[in-house]
Amino acid sequence: MKTKIEKIAADLFLIPLNLPAAGYNEFISVWLYRGQITCLIDVGPSKTAPYLLRALDELKINRLDYVLLTHIHLDHAGAIGEIADAFPQTPIICHQAARPHLIEPSRLWAGTKKVLGSMALSYGPIKPVAGKRLYDAKDFKVETVIPLITPGHAVHHVSYQTDRYLFAGEAAGVYVALPQNRFYLRPATPPRFFLNIALQSMDSLIACQPHTICYAHFGINKDAPTMLKLHRNQLLLWEKLIEDEIQHGDPRDPISSCIQRLLKEDPLMAVFDQLPPGVQERETYFLRNSISGFIGYLESKRVNGQSARNQSF
């Protein structure tokens, strides 16, 4: 498989890492930033490491100043062992909470197989990385790239901002561009999800006033402030609709009931039926995962609220 590199600007390249499954073309990506420093943002799954290395060779990248990991889910960080071997002098920047799982990834791999099943096998296992290669993102001090700690999609999520670009990982959802300036946007809110934390991260990103947003899934939008605000409002809409559907919808299959309600009433998902069939199948799978995160959050909020009321008597 040949990886099609897209040159976005003189200093920015999008490297798609396609998997041999319907709907997984132009879904997983790596960003190469070549400004005053040269950085790779995420590395993709281990199964696609050969394609990434071939793309870097095609771009004549024989040195990376940094590898910046947005988080350590295997579609973002699974190839870190192979990339670390190929660039043995390159520091790897990640959230401090991610560090132990990169040094000893057996629990991460086992958990991924439990949650994703056969999809985990499509990603491939993650190889360990020496602790001396890993640096805490909050201590990352480079004038041209600013780390932004943005938990929500994962507790170990970090976004990165340059003068022009915001590399948002999955903090701002999953994006699919369509013709005529249309797009699809879905929250990436797997269990365990905490809405208040995700909203705080969105507020932090909005406050940075970024210019262009670079999504891990997938592509670019040159109106980052609008996209971030749209996604923040989308999270609040999901809370309202899912909570109402859990109370009044079909109790036999609440997730399917929520999917139908969201596809009908979330304007950012109105183009779902215009997505290719394989992408619809992929998105239905991840929709169930994202809705499960919201349902868990709402249940936790209800239980904690009930506990607080009981303690007041």
Foldseek 3Di string as FASTA:
>chain_A
DAWDWDDPDPFKIKTWQAFPAFQRGQFFIWMWGHDVFTEIEFQAFLVRNVNSVVVCVVVVDQAHQEYEYQAVQRRGHQNVVVVCVSHVVHAYEWAPVCLVCQQPVPVVLVVCCVVPPVVSVSRPGHDHDDSVRYDHLVPDDDVFKHWQLQDFLHNTGIWIDGQAEIARELLLAAWDADPPRAIAGDHNGFPQGALVSSLVSLVVVLVVVHQKYQYSRHGIDRRVNVSSVLSSVVSVVLLVQLVVCCVPNDVVCSLVSSVVSCCVPPPSNVCLVVDPPSSNVVVSVSSSRNSNNSVNNVVVVVVVVVVVVVVVD
